[in-house]
Structure formats: C-alpha cells, structure tokens
C-alpha cells in the first residue's frame, strides 16, 4: 500500500504524534517500530494517544532479545513502561498461530493497543485442537497440570511447552498457559491458578522489574492471595550484551534446560514429595 505508508525517518516522537492525528481524523494507523526505539516517544504515547484514548496500533518488532544487535536494540522495557498508561492494551503472540488473529483483533479495537513480537521466528506450538479465538483480556490454556504451571507471555511459549514435556520424565505434571495479554490480565484464570497450584512460573522475554510477572504479583496481592507460589523468569536487571539468541536465553536463565531446573529446584524447596526431592534421600 504505497499510498498509505509513511516513513518518518528517525523521528519516533513525530511518528506517534502523526499516528494520533490520523486516528483523530478517523483512520486506523499502525505504528510499526522497534520496541527499544518506541521509548523515545514516551510522552507522545501518554499525551497524544492514551490520554485521548485514540485507536492507534503499535506493532513492536525486536521485542525481547535481538541477538547480535546488542543492548541498544534488545526490547527489554516495553512491558513495564507501556502498562503504566490507562487505556492501553498489551498483547503478545505466543506462537505463529496467534499473530494474524492478534493483528486482526488490534485493528478492530477501539483504543490504544500494542503488540510485541521478537526478531526471531515464532514457532507454532502443538495444540490438541485449533487455537481459540483472541478475546479481550483472555489467556489460552495449552494444557493443565497438577504440580504447577508455566504462564508464558510472548515468544517463550514454545520453550515452556518443551520444558513441561521434559518435566514429565521427572514425574512432574506441569501445565502451560499462553497469557496473550499483559494488560488486562486474565484475572479469572490466572488468579485461580495462583490460588490452587503449588507453583506458578511466569516466563517473559522482558525485564523482570515491572514486567508481566510483576503484574500477576500485583493482581494476586490485591486479591489477598498467597503469592509465594509465584516465581518470575525473565531478563535480569542488567544490560544484555551481543550474542546469538539461544546463548543469550541461556545466559538469562530462560532456556528449556533452565526452566526445567527451575521447576525441579522449586519443588524441592517447597518440600513436596516429588521425584527430585526423593532422589536426594
């Protein structure tokens, strides 16, 4: 659509203000931008878009680790700084099957909405049936588990599914939830999981400070629930260097092997009669 595409150059603040003007005029603009570059338009997101509740769609590429692009390009901070804003909706596809339906949903949404996705390809996760349609603020249950649950927000869903499968070899029945939304959270589902399961591991390719896991902790605390079952996995509080994505995930404790070890260790710490604990005696 050459007549509908505007390259504003390295002028991120202008891009967002321009999109707000288009939305005010009755159009449905998409701001296609790197996650880390959108930080430069913080004030415009606040004043021009969210304050006026305008239907601007933010498509954030390179959300999470961007591999050899390095710390200036890793999209680590968009979840915390975007979930601050009233009227903003935050989504992240868990796999390839989520992408098109989420974009369609975003284009129909009547307010600010942001969709984050990685530089890397999104793998398709195996399901028992077709993925459920995207519903506002609703997560997707990939599988249930009695010993705990991974709650993945975004691109690490496939790692969680693989980790849950490997944990069965240790006798641990761990479920997987595709969160889909960070704002609003699916409180009906996620708080029930926190209330009933011995372990809930939130997994996100973003900074832990103020991220998706923090949002769940806040919601559980506000509901008066015991939050000790919640363990957060995400990017640590430091700048991540250049490197291949798989190496960086391992360095940040987000590889499949690290997720498996995290769940096993946590079950041991909780003193449950699981195979990990019994093997030590």
C-alpha atoms as a PDB file:
ATOM      1  CA  UNK A   1       0.000   0.000   0.000  1.00  0.00           C
ATOM      2  CA  UNK A   2       2.470   2.681  -1.127  1.00  0.00           C
ATOM      3  CA  UNK A   3      -0.088   5.470  -0.778  1.00  0.00           C
ATOM      4  CA  UNK A   4      -0.827   4.501   2.826  1.00  0.00           C
ATOM      5  CA  UNK A   5       2.743   4.109   4.089  1.00  0.00           C
ATOM      6  CA  UNK A   6       4.750   6.965   5.612  1.00  0.00           C
ATOM      7  CA  UNK A   7       8.431   6.652   6.512  1.00  0.00           C
ATOM      8  CA  UNK A   8       9.096   9.441   9.003  1.00  0.00           C
ATOM      9  CA  UNK A   9      12.779   8.596   9.402  1.00  0.00           C
ATOM     10  CA  UNK A  10      14.442   8.548  12.789  1.00  0.00           C
ATOM     11  CA  UNK A  11      11.704  10.694  14.322  1.00  0.00           C
ATOM     12  CA  UNK A  12       9.892   8.330  16.668  1.00  0.00           C
ATOM     13  CA  UNK A  13       8.125  11.042  18.661  1.00  0.00           C
ATOM     14  CA  UNK A  14       6.770  12.541  15.458  1.00  0.00           C
ATOM     15  CA  UNK A  15       5.677   9.093  14.244  1.00  0.00           C
ATOM     16  CA  UNK A  16       3.444   8.606  17.290  1.00  0.00           C
ATOM     17  CA  UNK A  17       2.064  12.163  17.215  1.00  0.00           C
ATOM     18  CA  UNK A  18       1.411  11.786  13.474  1.00  0.00           C
ATOM     19  CA  UNK A  19      -0.422   8.498  14.092  1.00  0.00           C
ATOM     20  CA  UNK A  20      -2.522  10.164  16.789  1.00  0.00           C
ATOM     21  CA  UNK A  21      -3.553  12.841  14.305  1.00  0.00           C
ATOM     22  CA  UNK A  22      -4.520  10.211  11.747  1.00  0.00           C
ATOM     23  CA  UNK A  23      -6.588   8.386  14.374  1.00  0.00           C
ATOM     24  CA  UNK A  24      -8.260  11.645  15.392  1.00  0.00           C
ATOM     25  CA  UNK A  25      -9.232  12.053  11.746  1.00  0.00           C
ATOM     26  CA  UNK A  26     -10.977   8.686  11.682  1.00  0.00           C
ATOM     27  CA  UNK A  27      -8.217   6.435  10.349  1.00  0.00           C
ATOM     28  CA  UNK A  28      -6.715   3.337  11.999  1.00  0.00           C
ATOM     29  CA  UNK A  29      -2.929   3.903  11.947  1.00  0.00           C
ATOM     30  CA  UNK A  30      -0.329   1.231  12.672  1.00  0.00           C
ATOM     31  CA  UNK A  31       2.981   2.400  14.139  1.00  0.00           C
ATOM     32  CA  UNK A  32       5.481  -0.277  13.086  1.00  0.00           C
ATOM     33  CA  UNK A  33       8.578   0.249  15.192  1.00  0.00           C
ATOM     34  CA  UNK A  34      11.327  -1.468  17.168  1.00  0.00           C
ATOM     35  CA  UNK A  35      10.430  -1.914  20.818  1.00  0.00           C
ATOM     36  CA  UNK A  36      13.527  -0.121  22.050  1.00  0.00           C
ATOM     37  CA  UNK A  37      13.014   2.855  19.704  1.00  0.00           C
ATOM     38  CA  UNK A  38       9.441   3.401  20.891  1.00  0.00           C
ATOM     39  CA  UNK A  39      10.915   4.506  24.226  1.00  0.00           C
ATOM     40  CA  UNK A  40      11.795   7.815  22.565  1.00  0.00           C
ATOM     41  CA  UNK A  41       8.083   8.571  22.155  1.00  0.00           C
ATOM     42  CA  UNK A  42       7.031   8.033  25.786  1.00  0.00           C
ATOM     43  CA  UNK A  43       5.425  11.480  26.143  1.00  0.00           C
ATOM     44  CA  UNK A  44       3.574  11.195  22.839  1.00  0.00           C
ATOM     45  CA  UNK A  45       2.166   7.783  23.792  1.00  0.00           C
ATOM     46  CA  UNK A  46       0.921   9.386  27.010  1.00  0.00           C
ATOM     47  CA  UNK A  47      -0.439  12.721  25.810  1.00  0.00           C
ATOM     48  CA  UNK A  48      -1.363  12.233  22.173  1.00  0.00           C
ATOM     49  CA  UNK A  49      -2.591   8.627  22.230  1.00  0.00           C
ATOM     50  CA  UNK A  50      -3.552   7.228  25.639  1.00  0.00           C
ATOM     51  CA  UNK A  51      -4.856  10.434  27.204  1.00  0.00           C
ATOM     52  CA  UNK A  52      -7.236  10.816  24.259  1.00  0.00           C
ATOM     53  CA  UNK A  53      -7.921   7.061  24.056  1.00  0.00           C
ATOM     54  CA  UNK A  54      -7.190   7.004  20.331  1.00  0.00           C
ATOM     55  CA  UNK A  55      -7.201   3.743  18.324  1.00  0.00           C
ATOM     56  CA  UNK A  56      -3.510   3.592  17.440  1.00  0.00           C
ATOM     57  CA  UNK A  57      -1.955   0.151  16.919  1.00  0.00           C
ATOM     58  CA  UNK A  58       1.689  -0.241  17.971  1.00  0.00           C
ATOM     59  CA  UNK A  59       3.445  -3.199  16.310  1.00  0.00           C
ATOM     60  CA  UNK A  60       6.722  -3.600  18.177  1.00  0.00           C
ATOM     61  CA  UNK A  61       9.393  -5.588  16.394  1.00  0.00           C
ATOM     62  CA  UNK A  62      12.500  -6.863  18.200  1.00  0.00           C
ATOM     63  CA  UNK A  63      10.646  -7.155  21.481  1.00  0.00           C
ATOM     64  CA  UNK A  64      12.894  -9.196  23.732  1.00  0.00           C
ATOM     65  CA  UNK A  65      16.401 -10.263  22.769  1.00  0.00           C
ATOM     66  CA  UNK A  66      17.559  -9.108  19.343  1.00  0.00           C
ATOM     67  CA  UNK A  67      20.695 -11.262  19.251  1.00  0.00           C
ATOM     68  CA  UNK A  68      23.797  -9.631  17.723  1.00  0.00           C
ATOM     69  CA  UNK A  69      22.102  -6.215  17.583  1.00  0.00           C
ATOM     70  CA  UNK A  70      23.070  -5.824  21.231  1.00  0.00           C
ATOM     71  CA  UNK A  71      21.890  -3.849  24.256  1.00  0.00           C
ATOM     72  CA  UNK A  72      20.769  -0.768  22.317  1.00  0.00           C
ATOM     73  CA  UNK A  73      18.319  -2.922  20.350  1.00  0.00           C
ATOM     74  CA  UNK A  74      17.123  -5.528  22.870  1.00  0.00           C
ATOM     75  CA  UNK A  75      13.454  -4.760  23.510  1.00  0.00           C
ATOM     76  CA  UNK A  76      13.565  -5.317  27.260  1.00  0.00           C
ATOM     77  CA  UNK A  77      11.489  -2.489  28.692  1.00  0.00           C
ATOM     78  CA  UNK A  78       8.271  -2.082  26.702  1.00  0.00           C
ATOM     79  CA  UNK A  79       6.062  -4.137  29.043  1.00  0.00           C
ATOM     80  CA  UNK A  80       6.775  -2.009  32.150  1.00  0.00           C
ATOM     81  CA  UNK A  81       6.598   1.395  30.504  1.00  0.00           C
ATOM     82  CA  UNK A  82       3.506   0.664  28.392  1.00  0.00           C
ATOM     83  CA  UNK A  83       1.424  -0.988  31.084  1.00  0.00           C
ATOM     84  CA  UNK A  84       1.684   2.226  33.107  1.00  0.00           C
ATOM     85  CA  UNK A  85      -0.767   4.012  30.812  1.00  0.00           C
ATOM     86  CA  UNK A  86      -4.543   3.991  31.351  1.00  0.00           C
ATOM     87  CA  UNK A  87      -6.500   2.904  28.237  1.00  0.00           C
ATOM     88  CA  UNK A  88      -3.525   0.907  26.863  1.00  0.00           C
ATOM     89  CA  UNK A  89      -3.956  -2.766  25.933  1.00  0.00           C
ATOM     90  CA  UNK A  90      -0.888  -5.028  25.711  1.00  0.00           C
ATOM     91  CA  UNK A  91      -0.719  -8.266  23.711  1.00  0.00           C
ATOM     92  CA  UNK A  92       1.980 -10.721  22.681  1.00  0.00           C
ATOM     93  CA  UNK A  93       1.540 -13.730  20.376  1.00  0.00           C
ATOM     94  CA  UNK A  94       2.692 -16.954  21.941  1.00  0.00           C
ATOM     95  CA  UNK A  95       3.360 -18.551  18.581  1.00  0.00           C
ATOM     96  CA  UNK A  96       2.892 -18.116  14.854  1.00  0.00           C
ATOM     97  CA  UNK A  97      -0.788 -19.073  15.036  1.00  0.00           C
ATOM     98  CA  UNK A  98      -1.519 -16.051  17.260  1.00  0.00           C
ATOM     99  CA  UNK A  99      -0.005 -13.384  15.021  1.00  0.00           C
ATOM    100  CA  UNK A 100      -2.640 -12.839  12.327  1.00  0.00           C
ATOM    101  CA  UNK A 101      -5.638 -13.135  14.703  1.00  0.00           C
ATOM    102  CA  UNK A 102      -4.000 -10.666  17.102  1.00  0.00           C
ATOM    103  CA  UNK A 103      -3.373  -8.147  14.342  1.00  0.00           C
ATOM    104  CA  UNK A 104      -6.977  -8.515  13.190  1.00  0.00           C
ATOM    105  CA  UNK A 105      -8.128  -8.017  16.787  1.00  0.00           C
ATOM    106  CA  UNK A 106      -5.933  -4.942  17.189  1.00  0.00           C
ATOM    107  CA  UNK A 107      -7.358  -3.349  14.051  1.00  0.00           C
ATOM    108  CA  UNK A 108     -10.882  -3.769  15.433  1.00  0.00           C
ATOM    109  CA  UNK A 109     -10.009  -2.497  18.906  1.00  0.00           C
ATOM    110  CA  UNK A 110     -11.296   0.978  19.723  1.00  0.00           C
ATOM    111  CA  UNK A 111      -8.373   2.287  21.762  1.00  0.00           C
ATOM    112  CA  UNK A 112      -4.571   2.216  22.091  1.00  0.00           C
ATOM    113  CA  UNK A 113      -3.165  -1.271  21.708  1.00  0.00           C
ATOM    114  CA  UNK A 114       0.384  -2.644  21.470  1.00  0.00           C
ATOM    115  CA  UNK A 115       1.519  -5.948  20.004  1.00  0.00           C
ATOM    116  CA  UNK A 116       5.056  -7.143  20.802  1.00  0.00           C
ATOM    117  CA  UNK A 117       6.913  -9.813  18.837  1.00  0.00           C
ATOM    118  CA  UNK A 118      10.564 -10.895  18.541  1.00  0.00           C
ATOM    119  CA  UNK A 119      13.176 -10.572  15.836  1.00  0.00           C
ATOM    120  CA  UNK A 120      13.358 -14.378  15.762  1.00  0.00           C
ATOM    121  CA  UNK A 121      10.722 -16.525  14.093  1.00  0.00           C
ATOM    122  CA  UNK A 122       7.803 -17.630  16.232  1.00  0.00           C
ATOM    123  CA  UNK A 123       7.421 -21.404  16.349  1.00  0.00           C
ATOM    124  CA  UNK A 124       3.983 -22.978  16.088  1.00  0.00           C
ATOM    125  CA  UNK A 125       3.020 -24.723  19.322  1.00  0.00           C
ATOM    126  CA  UNK A 126       1.277 -28.090  19.142  1.00  0.00           C
ATOM    127  CA  UNK A 127      -2.278 -27.992  20.450  1.00  0.00           C
ATOM    128  CA  UNK A 128      -4.963 -30.625  20.830  1.00  0.00           C
ATOM    129  CA  UNK A 129      -7.166 -28.572  18.507  1.00  0.00           C
ATOM    130  CA  UNK A 130      -7.271 -25.216  16.754  1.00  0.00           C
ATOM    131  CA  UNK A 131      -6.256 -22.240  18.903  1.00  0.00           C
ATOM    132  CA  UNK A 132      -9.196 -20.417  20.454  1.00  0.00           C
ATOM    133  CA  UNK A 133     -10.055 -17.004  19.013  1.00  0.00           C
ATOM    134  CA  UNK A 134      -8.500 -13.896  20.520  1.00  0.00           C
ATOM    135  CA  UNK A 135     -10.799 -12.460  23.183  1.00  0.00           C
ATOM    136  CA  UNK A 136     -10.126  -9.235  25.038  1.00  0.00           C
ATOM    137  CA  UNK A 137      -8.045  -9.939  28.151  1.00  0.00           C
ATOM    138  CA  UNK A 138      -8.306 -13.723  27.846  1.00  0.00           C
ATOM    139  CA  UNK A 139      -5.459 -16.237  28.064  1.00  0.00           C
ATOM    140  CA  UNK A 140      -5.234 -19.632  26.377  1.00  0.00           C
ATOM    141  CA  UNK A 141      -4.740 -22.872  28.286  1.00  0.00           C
ATOM    142  CA  UNK A 142      -2.354 -25.102  26.333  1.00  0.00           C
ATOM    143  CA  UNK A 143      -2.504 -27.879  28.928  1.00  0.00           C
ATOM    144  CA  UNK A 144      -3.377 -28.261  32.602  1.00  0.00           C
ATOM    145  CA  UNK A 145      -1.013 -29.633  35.237  1.00  0.00           C
ATOM    146  CA  UNK A 146      -1.431 -30.588  38.885  1.00  0.00           C
ATOM    147  CA  UNK A 147       2.127 -29.828  40.034  1.00  0.00           C
ATOM    148  CA  UNK A 148       2.442 -26.322  38.673  1.00  0.00           C
ATOM    149  CA  UNK A 149       2.098 -24.172  35.608  1.00  0.00           C
ATOM    150  CA  UNK A 150       4.163 -22.055  33.242  1.00  0.00           C
ATOM    151  CA  UNK A 151       2.445 -18.801  32.303  1.00  0.00           C
ATOM    152  CA  UNK A 152       4.215 -17.558  29.187  1.00  0.00           C
ATOM    153  CA  UNK A 153       3.771 -14.049  27.860  1.00  0.00           C
ATOM    154  CA  UNK A 154       5.011 -13.984  24.305  1.00  0.00           C
ATOM    155  CA  UNK A 155       7.686 -15.764  22.325  1.00  0.00           C
ATOM    156  CA  UNK A 156       8.928 -18.169  25.020  1.00  0.00           C
ATOM    157  CA  UNK A 157       5.717 -20.202  24.928  1.00  0.00           C
ATOM    158  CA  UNK A 158       7.376 -22.940  22.865  1.00  0.00           C
ATOM    159  CA  UNK A 159      10.209 -23.232  25.404  1.00  0.00           C
ATOM    160  CA  UNK A 160       7.628 -23.631  28.160  1.00  0.00           C
ATOM    161  CA  UNK A 161       5.787 -26.353  26.252  1.00  0.00           C
ATOM    162  CA  UNK A 162       9.051 -28.233  25.708  1.00  0.00           C
ATOM    163  CA  UNK A 163      10.076 -27.785  29.352  1.00  0.00           C
ATOM    164  CA  UNK A 164       6.707 -29.089  30.565  1.00  0.00           C
ATOM    165  CA  UNK A 165       7.103 -32.138  28.339  1.00  0.00           C
ATOM    166  CA  UNK A 166      10.568 -32.873  29.740  1.00  0.00           C
ATOM    167  CA  UNK A 167       9.345 -32.424  33.307  1.00  0.00           C
ATOM    168  CA  UNK A 168       7.011 -35.374  32.800  1.00  0.00           C
ATOM    169  CA  UNK A 169      10.142 -37.540  32.670  1.00  0.00           C
ATOM    170  CA  UNK A 170      10.740 -36.491  36.293  1.00  0.00           C
ATOM    171  CA  UNK A 171       7.169 -37.286  37.293  1.00  0.00           C
ATOM    172  CA  UNK A 172       6.077 -33.642  37.406  1.00  0.00           C
ATOM    173  CA  UNK A 173       2.770 -32.696  35.804  1.00  0.00           C
ATOM    174  CA  UNK A 174       3.241 -29.052  34.808  1.00  0.00           C
ATOM    175  CA  UNK A 175       0.754 -27.124  32.710  1.00  0.00           C
ATOM    176  CA  UNK A 176       1.259 -24.282  30.246  1.00  0.00           C
ATOM    177  CA  UNK A 177      -0.789 -21.124  29.728  1.00  0.00           C
ATOM    178  CA  UNK A 178      -0.381 -18.721  26.823  1.00  0.00           C
ATOM    179  CA  UNK A 179      -1.090 -15.407  28.568  1.00  0.00           C
ATOM    180  CA  UNK A 180      -1.699 -13.459  25.341  1.00  0.00           C
ATOM    181  CA  UNK A 181      -2.494 -10.264  27.290  1.00  0.00           C
ATOM    182  CA  UNK A 182      -0.397  -8.413  29.859  1.00  0.00           C
ATOM    183  CA  UNK A 183      -2.996  -5.675  30.192  1.00  0.00           C
ATOM    184  CA  UNK A 184      -5.665  -6.502  31.047  1.00  0.00           C
ATOM    185  CA  UNK A 185      -4.660  -9.745  32.695  1.00  0.00           C
ATOM    186  CA  UNK A 186      -6.976 -12.729  32.553  1.00  0.00           C
ATOM    187  CA  UNK A 187      -7.556 -12.494  36.296  1.00  0.00           C
ATOM    188  CA  UNK A 188     -10.332 -15.102  36.371  1.00  0.00           C
ATOM    189  CA  UNK A 189      -7.950 -17.755  35.063  1.00  0.00           C
ATOM    190  CA  UNK A 190      -4.586 -16.646  36.404  1.00  0.00           C
ATOM    191  CA  UNK A 191      -5.692 -15.921  39.971  1.00  0.00           C
ATOM    192  CA  UNK A 192      -7.418 -19.309  40.091  1.00  0.00           C
ATOM    193  CA  UNK A 193      -4.123 -20.888  39.029  1.00  0.00           C
ATOM    194  CA  UNK A 194      -2.221 -18.976  41.738  1.00  0.00           C
ATOM    195  CA  UNK A 195      -4.798 -19.979  44.346  1.00  0.00           C
ATOM    196  CA  UNK A 196      -4.891 -23.684  43.520  1.00  0.00           C
ATOM    197  CA  UNK A 197      -1.426 -24.733  42.300  1.00  0.00           C
ATOM    198  CA  UNK A 198       1.760 -25.147  44.344  1.00  0.00           C
ATOM    199  CA  UNK A 199       3.920 -23.405  41.720  1.00  0.00           C
ATOM    200  CA  UNK A 200       3.268 -20.766  39.048  1.00  0.00           C
ATOM    201  CA  UNK A 201       6.220 -19.714  36.880  1.00  0.00           C
ATOM    202  CA  UNK A 202       5.753 -16.586  34.773  1.00  0.00           C
ATOM    203  CA  UNK A 203       8.033 -16.515  31.736  1.00  0.00           C
ATOM    204  CA  UNK A 204       8.690 -13.403  29.664  1.00  0.00           C
ATOM    205  CA  UNK A 205      11.370 -12.115  27.311  1.00  0.00           C
ATOM    206  CA  UNK A 206      11.465  -8.747  29.025  1.00  0.00           C
ATOM    207  CA  UNK A 207      12.869  -7.201  32.176  1.00  0.00           C
ATOM    208  CA  UNK A 208      11.550  -8.623  35.433  1.00  0.00           C
ATOM    209  CA  UNK A 209      11.241  -5.176  37.019  1.00  0.00           C
ATOM    210  CA  UNK A 210       7.665  -4.097  36.417  1.00  0.00           C
ATOM    211  CA  UNK A 211       7.045  -6.766  33.787  1.00  0.00           C
ATOM    212  CA  UNK A 212       4.356  -9.378  33.223  1.00  0.00           C
ATOM    213  CA  UNK A 213       5.302 -11.385  36.309  1.00  0.00           C
ATOM    214  CA  UNK A 214       5.108  -8.243  38.410  1.00  0.00           C
ATOM    215  CA  UNK A 215       1.634  -7.565  37.022  1.00  0.00           C
ATOM    216  CA  UNK A 216       0.488 -11.002  38.166  1.00  0.00           C
ATOM    217  CA  UNK A 217       2.064 -10.495  41.596  1.00  0.00           C
ATOM    218  CA  UNK A 218       0.251  -7.178  41.950  1.00  0.00           C
ATOM    219  CA  UNK A 219      -3.078  -8.713  40.951  1.00  0.00           C
ATOM    220  CA  UNK A 220      -2.653 -11.661  43.318  1.00  0.00           C
ATOM    221  CA  UNK A 221      -1.669  -9.364  46.177  1.00  0.00           C
ATOM    222  CA  UNK A 222      -4.678  -7.115  45.531  1.00  0.00           C
ATOM    223  CA  UNK A 223      -6.913 -10.196  45.628  1.00  0.00           C
ATOM    224  CA  UNK A 224      -5.473 -11.196  49.008  1.00  0.00           C
ATOM    225  CA  UNK A 225      -3.836 -14.366  47.700  1.00  0.00           C
ATOM    226  CA  UNK A 226      -0.658 -16.011  48.947  1.00  0.00           C
ATOM    227  CA  UNK A 227       1.929 -15.042  46.329  1.00  0.00           C
ATOM    228  CA  UNK A 228       4.693 -17.387  47.480  1.00  0.00           C
ATOM    229  CA  UNK A 229       3.785 -19.840  44.721  1.00  0.00           C
ATOM    230  CA  UNK A 230       4.679 -17.290  42.024  1.00  0.00           C
ATOM    231  CA  UNK A 231       8.194 -17.419  40.573  1.00  0.00           C
ATOM    232  CA  UNK A 232       9.202 -14.970  37.842  1.00  0.00           C
ATOM    233  CA  UNK A 233      11.545 -15.821  34.973  1.00  0.00           C
ATOM    234  CA  UNK A 234      12.668 -13.041  32.649  1.00  0.00           C
ATOM    235  CA  UNK A 235      15.551 -10.767  31.745  1.00  0.00           C
ATOM    236  CA  UNK A 236      17.771  -9.838  34.719  1.00  0.00           C
ATOM    237  CA  UNK A 237      18.404  -6.297  35.962  1.00  0.00           C
ATOM    238  CA  UNK A 238      21.399  -5.610  33.727  1.00  0.00           C
ATOM    239  CA  UNK A 239      22.080  -4.695  30.121  1.00  0.00           C
ATOM    240  CA  UNK A 240      22.316  -7.810  27.955  1.00  0.00           C
ATOM    241  CA  UNK A 241      25.295  -7.941  25.597  1.00  0.00           C
ATOM    242  CA  UNK A 242      25.513  -9.043  21.962  1.00  0.00           C
ATOM    243  CA  UNK A 243      25.184 -12.726  21.147  1.00  0.00           C
ATOM    244  CA  UNK A 244      23.205 -15.467  19.473  1.00  0.00           C
ATOM    245  CA  UNK A 245      19.662 -15.582  20.843  1.00  0.00           C
ATOM    246  CA  UNK A 246      19.930 -19.121  22.182  1.00  0.00           C
ATOM    247  CA  UNK A 247      23.131 -18.265  24.040  1.00  0.00           C
ATOM    248  CA  UNK A 248      21.563 -15.125  25.485  1.00  0.00           C
ATOM    249  CA  UNK A 249      18.463 -17.008  26.635  1.00  0.00           C
ATOM    250  CA  UNK A 250      20.690 -19.496  28.447  1.00  0.00           C
ATOM    251  CA  UNK A 251      22.715 -16.664  29.981  1.00  0.00           C
ATOM    252  CA  UNK A 252      19.475 -15.126  31.275  1.00  0.00           C
ATOM    253  CA  UNK A 253      18.132 -18.413  32.655  1.00  0.00           C
ATOM    254  CA  UNK A 254      15.415 -18.716  30.012  1.00  0.00           C
ATOM    255  CA  UNK A 255      16.490 -21.797  28.077  1.00  0.00           C
ATOM    256  CA  UNK A 256      14.449 -25.000  28.236  1.00  0.00           C
ATOM    257  CA  UNK A 257      17.105 -26.561  30.458  1.00  0.00           C
ATOM    258  CA  UNK A 258      16.998 -23.642  32.872  1.00  0.00           C
ATOM    259  CA  UNK A 259      13.200 -23.703  33.052  1.00  0.00           C
ATOM    260  CA  UNK A 260      13.236 -27.434  33.811  1.00  0.00           C
ATOM    261  CA  UNK A 261      15.868 -26.944  36.513  1.00  0.00           C
ATOM    262  CA  UNK A 262      13.928 -24.025  37.992  1.00  0.00           C
ATOM    263  CA  UNK A 263      10.753 -26.053  38.424  1.00  0.00           C
ATOM    264  CA  UNK A 264      12.566 -29.070  39.853  1.00  0.00           C
ATOM    265  CA  UNK A 265      14.523 -26.943  42.316  1.00  0.00           C
ATOM    266  CA  UNK A 266      11.420 -25.068  43.393  1.00  0.00           C
ATOM    267  CA  UNK A 267       9.559 -28.296  44.084  1.00  0.00           C
ATOM    268  CA  UNK A 268      12.479 -29.421  46.205  1.00  0.00           C
ATOM    269  CA  UNK A 269      12.469 -26.121  48.107  1.00  0.00           C
ATOM    270  CA  UNK A 270       8.753 -26.477  48.775  1.00  0.00           C
ATOM    271  CA  UNK A 271       9.360 -29.872  50.332  1.00  0.00           C
ATOM    272  CA  UNK A 272       6.866 -31.661  48.133  1.00  0.00           C
ATOM    273  CA  UNK A 273       7.107 -35.402  47.674  1.00  0.00           C
ATOM    274  CA  UNK A 274       8.268 -35.139  44.101  1.00  0.00           C
ATOM    275  CA  UNK A 275      10.906 -37.330  42.428  1.00  0.00           C
ATOM    276  CA  UNK A 276      13.510 -34.564  42.611  1.00  0.00           C
ATOM    277  CA  UNK A 277      13.305 -34.421  46.388  1.00  0.00           C
ATOM    278  CA  UNK A 278      13.081 -38.170  46.855  1.00  0.00           C
ATOM    279  CA  UNK A 279      16.191 -38.708  44.712  1.00  0.00           C
ATOM    280  CA  UNK A 280      18.256 -36.806  47.263  1.00  0.00           C
ATOM    281  CA  UNK A 281      17.409 -39.180  50.130  1.00  0.00           C
END
